[in-house]
Protein backbone atom coordinates (compact mmCIF):
# COMPACT_ATOMS: atom_id res chain seq x y z
CA UNK A 1 0.55 -5.50 28.36
CA UNK A 2 -1.15 -3.25 30.92
CA UNK A 3 1.70 -0.73 30.83
CA UNK A 4 1.57 -0.70 27.02
CA UNK A 5 -2.16 0.10 27.16
CA UNK A 6 -1.64 2.77 29.83
CA UNK A 7 1.08 4.41 27.72
CA UNK A 8 -1.15 4.28 24.65
CA UNK A 9 -4.05 5.98 26.47
CA UNK A 10 -1.68 8.68 27.77
CA UNK A 11 -0.56 9.25 24.17
CA UNK A 12 -4.18 9.48 22.97
CA UNK A 13 -4.94 12.07 25.67
CA UNK A 14 -1.82 14.11 24.84
CA UNK A 15 -3.30 15.88 21.79
CA UNK A 16 0.11 15.34 20.14
CA UNK A 17 -0.43 13.80 16.69
CA UNK A 18 3.11 12.38 16.48
CA UNK A 19 2.87 10.78 19.91
CA UNK A 20 -0.56 9.34 19.05
CA UNK A 21 0.64 8.00 15.69
CA UNK A 22 3.49 6.21 17.42
CA UNK A 23 1.09 3.86 19.30
CA UNK A 24 -1.02 2.90 16.26
CA UNK A 25 -0.53 0.48 13.39
CA UNK A 26 -0.61 2.07 9.94
CA UNK A 27 -4.01 0.47 9.24
CA UNK A 28 -5.49 1.00 12.72
CA UNK A 29 -9.26 1.35 13.17
CA UNK A 30 -11.33 3.11 15.84
CA UNK A 31 -15.00 2.14 15.95
CA UNK A 32 -17.35 4.21 18.11
CA UNK A 33 -21.11 3.69 18.39
CA UNK A 34 -22.96 5.02 15.33
CA UNK A 35 -24.70 8.32 16.01
CA UNK A 36 -22.68 9.06 19.14
CA UNK A 37 -22.78 12.66 20.40
CA UNK A 38 -19.10 13.36 19.75
CA UNK A 39 -19.30 12.33 16.10
CA UNK A 40 -22.55 14.26 15.63
CA UNK A 41 -21.31 17.43 17.34
CA UNK A 42 -18.06 17.42 15.36
CA UNK A 43 -19.73 16.22 12.15
CA UNK A 44 -17.25 13.37 11.75
CA UNK A 45 -17.56 9.64 11.18
CA UNK A 46 -17.87 7.14 14.01
CA UNK A 47 -15.45 4.76 12.22
CA UNK A 48 -11.92 6.08 11.82
CA UNK A 49 -9.51 4.15 9.62
CA UNK A 50 -5.75 4.65 9.44
CA UNK A 51 -3.08 5.92 11.81
CA UNK A 52 -3.11 9.48 10.47
CA UNK A 53 -6.90 9.79 10.51
CA UNK A 54 -7.09 8.65 14.13
CA UNK A 55 -4.18 10.86 15.21
CA UNK A 56 -5.74 13.90 13.50
CA UNK A 57 -9.09 13.21 15.21
CA UNK A 58 -7.54 13.06 18.69
CA UNK A 59 -5.14 15.97 18.13
CA UNK A 60 -7.36 18.37 16.16
CA UNK A 61 -11.05 17.38 16.11
CA UNK A 62 -11.68 16.18 19.66
CA UNK A 63 -10.29 19.38 21.29
CA UNK A 64 -13.00 21.39 19.47
CA UNK A 65 -15.60 19.66 21.69
CA UNK A 66 -13.62 18.57 24.76
CA UNK A 67 -11.97 21.94 25.12
CA UNK A 68 -10.09 21.76 28.43
CA UNK A 69 -9.58 19.87 31.70
CA UNK A 70 -9.58 16.59 29.78
CA UNK A 71 -8.90 13.61 31.98
CA UNK A 72 -9.02 9.87 31.42
CA UNK A 73 -9.16 7.69 34.51
CA UNK A 74 -8.42 4.03 33.84
CA UNK A 75 -10.36 1.81 36.26
CA UNK A 76 -9.29 -1.55 34.94
CA UNK A 77 -7.33 -3.20 32.17
CA UNK A 78 -8.20 -6.83 31.55
CA UNK A 79 -5.89 -8.58 29.10
CA UNK A 80 -6.00 -11.80 27.15
CA UNK A 81 -3.08 -12.19 24.75
CA UNK A 82 -3.35 -9.53 22.05
CA UNK A 83 -6.62 -8.07 23.39
CA UNK A 84 -7.53 -5.90 26.33
CA UNK A 85 -10.77 -4.57 27.78
CA UNK A 86 -10.22 -1.13 29.26
CA UNK A 87 -12.68 0.45 31.70
CA UNK A 88 -12.33 4.22 31.85
CA UNK A 89 -14.04 7.50 32.68
CA UNK A 90 -13.57 10.53 30.45
CA UNK A 91 -14.03 13.94 32.03
CA UNK A 92 -13.66 17.34 30.39
CA UNK A 93 -15.03 20.82 30.06
CA UNK A 94 -16.98 21.08 26.82
CA UNK A 95 -16.61 23.98 24.40
CA UNK A 96 -19.85 25.46 25.77
CA UNK A 97 -18.38 25.45 29.30
CA UNK A 98 -20.47 22.54 30.58
CA UNK A 99 -18.87 19.57 32.33
CA UNK A 100 -18.65 16.14 30.69
CA UNK A 101 -18.21 12.84 32.51
CA UNK A 102 -19.04 9.46 30.99
CA UNK A 103 -17.90 5.88 31.49
CA UNK A 104 -16.42 3.91 28.62
CA UNK A 105 -15.30 0.40 27.83
CA UNK A 106 -12.74 -0.04 25.07
CA UNK A 107 -11.88 -3.38 23.52
CA UNK A 108 -8.34 -2.94 22.24
CA UNK A 109 -6.66 -5.30 19.78
CA UNK A 110 -2.90 -5.11 19.49
CA UNK A 111 -0.56 -6.09 16.71
CA UNK A 112 3.20 -6.13 17.25
CA UNK A 113 2.88 -3.99 20.38
CA UNK A 114 0.75 -1.31 18.68
CA UNK A 115 -2.98 -0.58 18.73
CA UNK A 116 -4.59 -2.14 15.69
CA UNK A 117 -8.30 -1.84 16.46
CA UNK A 118 -10.41 -0.22 19.17
CA UNK A 119 -14.11 -0.84 19.67
CA UNK A 120 -15.56 1.83 21.95
CA UNK A 121 -18.63 1.30 24.11
CA UNK A 122 -20.28 4.21 25.93
CA UNK A 123 -23.64 5.33 27.26
CA UNK A 124 -24.70 7.21 24.14
CA UNK A 125 -27.89 8.63 25.69
CA UNK A 126 -25.86 10.16 28.54
CA UNK A 127 -23.37 11.52 26.01
CA UNK A 128 -26.19 13.20 24.09
CA UNK A 129 -27.62 14.73 27.26
CA UNK A 130 -24.21 16.10 28.23
CA UNK A 131 -23.30 17.43 24.77
CA UNK A 132 -26.71 18.54 23.47
CA UNK A 133 -28.77 18.95 26.65
CA UNK A 134 -31.16 16.11 25.83
CA UNK A 135 -31.17 12.49 24.78
CA UNK A 136 -31.66 11.80 21.06
CA UNK A 137 -35.30 11.76 20.02
CA UNK A 138 -34.78 8.75 17.75
CA UNK A 139 -32.65 5.66 17.40
CA UNK A 140 -29.16 7.04 16.70
CA UNK A 141 -28.01 3.78 15.12
CA UNK A 142 -30.10 4.30 11.98
C-alpha cells in the first residue's frame, strides 16, 4: 500500500490532470480545513468532490499560487487496510516569489486501489502567514 500512496502523491504533484485522474475514484473527495490560505487565495472551496474537480484543482488552480519549485517530501506512511496516514512537507515558491514550507498530515481512504477520500490537516495559521504575511484575524472555520 505504501508504494500505491507514494505513486499517488507523485501523480498529484505532477500537475498532469490525466495522471492525477488515474489515481482517483470517480466520486473522490478532498477535504481541506475550512478557511485555509490556499482556498482563500485562490477563491476556491476547501471541499473538492469528483475526480475531474480534484484533478483540475491540482493541475490548474494550485499552480497559480504554488508557482514553481514545488516539492512534496513524504516523511511517513502509516497504513491500516484501506486507510493510510501520510506525513509530508510541502515546499514551493509562491506566485509573489516568497518561499512556502508547511507540514501536513493526510488521512487517505482507498477504494479498489484508488484514492477515494483525503482529509488534509495542516497548520492553517502558518499557511496564512506564509501566503498573506499574517495570521488570520478571526476564526477561519466560521
